[in-house]
Amino acid sequence: MNRFLVDGTNLILQLALDAAAERQRVSAHNLANVNTPNFKRQEVSFEEKLKAALFAQPKLQLTRTHEKHLPRELELSDLQHEVVTDKSTSMRPDDNNVDIDREMVLMAMNQMHFNAVTQVLNNRYSALRYILQEGRR
């Protein structure tokens, strides 16, 4: 893929969309198993990993000797979302911990998050498209 079109911000936005899509699948899976005995809900971990990757100190201390030098690039493996199982709670006597109301709220919040990230990504590509079209004139 062309590096010009996939800068760090676009990459993070695309990874955020991937995490949101996975979060929707995981919530649907949780809701489908609301009556399954001993089922433990799952959730997607992404934002915490993103924050840690963005603000972490590099493993190897790098020094930029000129302001036009490129900064340290994020490791792609640091930004991948992860599905984790919540084993800490239990909602019912059969050890199932899925709360329908909570899952529905999480799905609605995730949908709004997905729409917002999609809009930001669309705006970035629209701006790029405008620049390319105006550059031809």
C-alpha atoms as a PDB file:
ATOM      1  CA  MET A   1       0.000   0.000   0.000  1.00  0.00           C
ATOM      2  CA  ASN A   2       1.208   3.507  -0.734  1.00  0.00           C
ATOM      3  CA  ARG A   3       2.849   4.991   2.356  1.00  0.00           C
ATOM      4  CA  PHE A   4       1.544   8.429   1.345  1.00  0.00           C
ATOM      5  CA  LEU A   5      -2.043   7.251   1.837  1.00  0.00           C
ATOM      6  CA  VAL A   6      -1.351   5.249   4.996  1.00  0.00           C
ATOM      7  CA  ASP A   7       0.261   7.575   7.483  1.00  0.00           C
ATOM      8  CA  GLY A   8       0.319   6.873  11.205  1.00  0.00           C
ATOM      9  CA  THR A   9      -3.015   8.567  11.860  1.00  0.00           C
ATOM     10  CA  ASN A  10      -4.819   6.700   9.095  1.00  0.00           C
ATOM     11  CA  LEU A  11      -3.317   3.437  10.310  1.00  0.00           C
ATOM     12  CA  ILE A  12      -4.536   4.072  13.857  1.00  0.00           C
ATOM     13  CA  LEU A  13      -7.996   5.010  12.569  1.00  0.00           C
ATOM     14  CA  GLN A  14      -8.159   1.815  10.504  1.00  0.00           C
ATOM     15  CA  LEU A  15      -7.072  -0.254  13.503  1.00  0.00           C
ATOM     16  CA  ALA A  16      -9.746   1.500  15.591  1.00  0.00           C
ATOM     17  CA  LEU A  17     -12.357   0.502  13.004  1.00  0.00           C
ATOM     18  CA  ASP A  18     -11.120  -3.094  13.117  1.00  0.00           C
ATOM     19  CA  ALA A  19     -11.376  -3.075  16.919  1.00  0.00           C
ATOM     20  CA  ALA A  20     -14.894  -1.597  16.785  1.00  0.00           C
ATOM     21  CA  ALA A  21     -16.028  -4.240  14.298  1.00  0.00           C
ATOM     22  CA  GLU A  22     -14.576  -6.967  16.512  1.00  0.00           C
ATOM     23  CA  ARG A  23     -16.229  -5.378  19.560  1.00  0.00           C
ATOM     24  CA  GLN A  24     -19.602  -5.576  17.807  1.00  0.00           C
ATOM     25  CA  ARG A  25     -19.043  -9.266  16.991  1.00  0.00           C
ATOM     26  CA  VAL A  26     -17.982 -10.004  20.582  1.00  0.00           C
ATOM     27  CA  SER A  27     -21.036  -8.229  22.033  1.00  0.00           C
ATOM     28  CA  ALA A  28     -23.334 -10.160  19.678  1.00  0.00           C
ATOM     29  CA  HIS A  29     -21.609 -13.383  20.783  1.00  0.00           C
ATOM     30  CA  ASN A  30     -22.133 -12.419  24.436  1.00  0.00           C
ATOM     31  CA  LEU A  31     -25.827 -11.739  23.829  1.00  0.00           C
ATOM     32  CA  ALA A  32     -26.236 -15.027  21.955  1.00  0.00           C
ATOM     33  CA  ASN A  33     -24.900 -16.844  25.026  1.00  0.00           C
ATOM     34  CA  VAL A  34     -26.921 -15.001  27.652  1.00  0.00           C
ATOM     35  CA  ASN A  35     -28.627 -18.269  28.709  1.00  0.00           C
ATOM     36  CA  THR A  36     -25.595 -20.537  28.424  1.00  0.00           C
ATOM     37  CA  PRO A  37     -24.560 -21.867  31.854  1.00  0.00           C
ATOM     38  CA  ASN A  38     -20.977 -21.031  32.907  1.00  0.00           C
ATOM     39  CA  PHE A  39     -20.501 -18.678  29.942  1.00  0.00           C
ATOM     40  CA  LYS A  40     -18.185 -15.758  30.658  1.00  0.00           C
ATOM     41  CA  ARG A  41     -18.554 -12.583  28.636  1.00  0.00           C
ATOM     42  CA  GLN A  42     -15.744 -11.312  26.489  1.00  0.00           C
ATOM     43  CA  GLU A  43     -14.642  -7.816  25.601  1.00  0.00           C
ATOM     44  CA  VAL A  44     -12.188  -6.181  23.221  1.00  0.00           C
ATOM     45  CA  SER A  45      -9.138  -4.392  24.554  1.00  0.00           C
ATOM     46  CA  PHE A  46      -7.765  -1.743  22.198  1.00  0.00           C
ATOM     47  CA  GLU A  47      -7.843   1.776  23.603  1.00  0.00           C
ATOM     48  CA  GLU A  48      -5.628   0.877  26.569  1.00  0.00           C
ATOM     49  CA  LYS A  49      -3.056  -0.692  24.251  1.00  0.00           C
ATOM     50  CA  LEU A  50      -3.170   2.333  21.955  1.00  0.00           C
ATOM     51  CA  LYS A  51      -2.629   4.719  24.851  1.00  0.00           C
ATOM     52  CA  ALA A  52       0.253   2.622  26.152  1.00  0.00           C
ATOM     53  CA  ALA A  53       1.856   2.443  22.698  1.00  0.00           C
ATOM     54  CA  LEU A  54       1.504   6.163  22.063  1.00  0.00           C
ATOM     55  CA  PHE A  55       2.913   7.291  25.400  1.00  0.00           C
ATOM     56  CA  ALA A  56       5.404   4.515  26.071  1.00  0.00           C
ATOM     57  CA  GLN A  57       9.081   5.192  26.170  1.00  0.00           C
ATOM     58  CA  PRO A  58      10.880   3.475  23.298  1.00  0.00           C
ATOM     59  CA  LYS A  59      12.746   0.295  24.199  1.00  0.00           C
ATOM     60  CA  LEU A  60      15.803   1.748  22.552  1.00  0.00           C
ATOM     61  CA  GLN A  61      16.356   5.386  23.340  1.00  0.00           C
ATOM     62  CA  LEU A  62      16.525   7.231  20.035  1.00  0.00           C
ATOM     63  CA  THR A  63      17.674  10.793  19.660  1.00  0.00           C
ATOM     64  CA  ARG A  64      16.414  13.062  16.905  1.00  0.00           C
ATOM     65  CA  THR A  65      19.340  15.277  15.984  1.00  0.00           C
ATOM     66  CA  HIS A  66      17.283  17.323  13.542  1.00  0.00           C
ATOM     67  CA  GLU A  67      13.623  18.379  13.679  1.00  0.00           C
ATOM     68  CA  LYS A  68      13.020  16.962  10.189  1.00  0.00           C
ATOM     69  CA  HIS A  69      14.092  13.466  11.191  1.00  0.00           C
ATOM     70  CA  LEU A  70      11.255  11.015  11.388  1.00  0.00           C
ATOM     71  CA  PRO A  71      10.054  10.109  14.880  1.00  0.00           C
ATOM     72  CA  ARG A  72      10.028   6.568  16.188  1.00  0.00           C
ATOM     73  CA  GLU A  73       7.318   4.553  14.462  1.00  0.00           C
ATOM     74  CA  LEU A  74       4.831   2.567  16.474  1.00  0.00           C
ATOM     75  CA  GLU A  75       5.098  -1.181  16.383  1.00  0.00           C
ATOM     76  CA  LEU A  76       2.027  -2.572  14.649  1.00  0.00           C
ATOM     77  CA  SER A  77       1.924  -5.469  17.118  1.00  0.00           C
ATOM     78  CA  ASP A  78       1.537  -2.911  19.946  1.00  0.00           C
ATOM     79  CA  LEU A  79      -1.729  -1.712  18.428  1.00  0.00           C
ATOM     80  CA  GLN A  80      -3.606  -4.913  17.653  1.00  0.00           C
ATOM     81  CA  HIS A  81      -6.865  -5.331  19.534  1.00  0.00           C
ATOM     82  CA  GLU A  82      -7.264  -8.310  21.822  1.00  0.00           C
ATOM     83  CA  VAL A  83     -10.314 -10.265  22.973  1.00  0.00           C
ATOM     84  CA  VAL A  84     -10.252 -10.911  26.720  1.00  0.00           C
ATOM     85  CA  THR A  85     -12.609 -12.930  28.894  1.00  0.00           C
ATOM     86  CA  ASP A  86     -14.132 -11.354  32.009  1.00  0.00           C
ATOM     87  CA  LYS A  87     -13.919 -14.098  34.625  1.00  0.00           C
ATOM     88  CA  SER A  88     -14.222 -11.766  37.607  1.00  0.00           C
ATOM     89  CA  THR A  89     -18.000 -11.499  37.833  1.00  0.00           C
ATOM     90  CA  SER A  90     -21.079 -13.681  37.909  1.00  0.00           C
ATOM     91  CA  MET A  91     -24.612 -12.409  37.242  1.00  0.00           C
ATOM     92  CA  ARG A  92     -26.543 -15.580  37.990  1.00  0.00           C
ATOM     93  CA  PRO A  93     -26.275 -18.791  40.005  1.00  0.00           C
ATOM     94  CA  ASP A  94     -25.187 -20.714  36.896  1.00  0.00           C
ATOM     95  CA  ASP A  95     -22.010 -18.527  36.716  1.00  0.00           C
ATOM     96  CA  ASN A  96     -23.073 -16.730  33.538  1.00  0.00           C
ATOM     97  CA  ASN A  97     -21.977 -13.087  33.695  1.00  0.00           C
ATOM     98  CA  VAL A  98     -23.727 -11.562  30.675  1.00  0.00           C
ATOM     99  CA  ASP A  99     -25.904  -8.550  31.508  1.00  0.00           C
ATOM    100  CA  ILE A 100     -28.254  -7.884  28.579  1.00  0.00           C
ATOM    101  CA  ASP A 101     -28.720  -4.196  29.423  1.00  0.00           C
ATOM    102  CA  ARG A 102     -24.990  -3.594  29.712  1.00  0.00           C
ATOM    103  CA  GLU A 103     -24.272  -5.359  26.424  1.00  0.00           C
ATOM    104  CA  MET A 104     -26.941  -3.330  24.622  1.00  0.00           C
ATOM    105  CA  VAL A 105     -25.478  -0.065  25.964  1.00  0.00           C
ATOM    106  CA  LEU A 106     -21.966  -1.159  24.962  1.00  0.00           C
ATOM    107  CA  MET A 107     -23.185  -2.012  21.458  1.00  0.00           C
ATOM    108  CA  ALA A 108     -24.863   1.404  21.095  1.00  0.00           C
ATOM    109  CA  MET A 109     -21.736   3.198  22.339  1.00  0.00           C
ATOM    110  CA  ASN A 110     -19.574   1.140  20.014  1.00  0.00           C
ATOM    111  CA  GLN A 111     -21.801   2.009  17.057  1.00  0.00           C
ATOM    112  CA  MET A 112     -21.405   5.727  17.809  1.00  0.00           C
ATOM    113  CA  HIS A 113     -17.638   5.279  18.143  1.00  0.00           C
ATOM    114  CA  PHE A 114     -17.487   3.389  14.829  1.00  0.00           C
ATOM    115  CA  ASN A 115     -19.495   6.122  13.084  1.00  0.00           C
ATOM    116  CA  ALA A 116     -17.245   8.871  14.493  1.00  0.00           C
ATOM    117  CA  VAL A 117     -14.027   7.127  13.430  1.00  0.00           C
ATOM    118  CA  THR A 118     -15.492   6.442   9.998  1.00  0.00           C
ATOM    119  CA  GLN A 119     -16.386  10.123   9.629  1.00  0.00           C
ATOM    120  CA  VAL A 120     -12.867  11.227  10.595  1.00  0.00           C
ATOM    121  CA  LEU A 121     -11.316   8.791   8.127  1.00  0.00           C
ATOM    122  CA  ASN A 122     -13.718   9.910   5.375  1.00  0.00           C
ATOM    123  CA  ASN A 123     -12.851  13.556   6.064  1.00  0.00           C
ATOM    124  CA  ARG A 124      -9.140  12.818   5.806  1.00  0.00           C
ATOM    125  CA  TYR A 125      -9.582  11.033   2.467  1.00  0.00           C
ATOM    126  CA  SER A 126     -11.900  13.800   1.203  1.00  0.00           C
ATOM    127  CA  ALA A 127      -9.246  16.396   2.029  1.00  0.00           C
ATOM    128  CA  LEU A 128      -6.623  14.321   0.223  1.00  0.00           C
ATOM    129  CA  ARG A 129      -8.929  13.910  -2.786  1.00  0.00           C
ATOM    130  CA  TYR A 130      -9.508  17.685  -2.858  1.00  0.00           C
ATOM    131  CA  ILE A 131      -5.766  18.367  -2.736  1.00  0.00           C
ATOM    132  CA  LEU A 132      -5.133  15.949  -5.590  1.00  0.00           C
ATOM    133  CA  GLN A 133      -7.907  17.406  -7.737  1.00  0.00           C
ATOM    134  CA  GLU A 134      -6.855  21.016  -7.139  1.00  0.00           C
ATOM    135  CA  GLY A 135      -3.254  20.095  -7.889  1.00  0.00           C
ATOM    136  CA  ARG A 136      -4.234  19.131 -11.437  1.00  0.00           C
ATOM    137  CA  ARG A 137      -5.500  22.632 -12.269  1.00  0.00           C
END
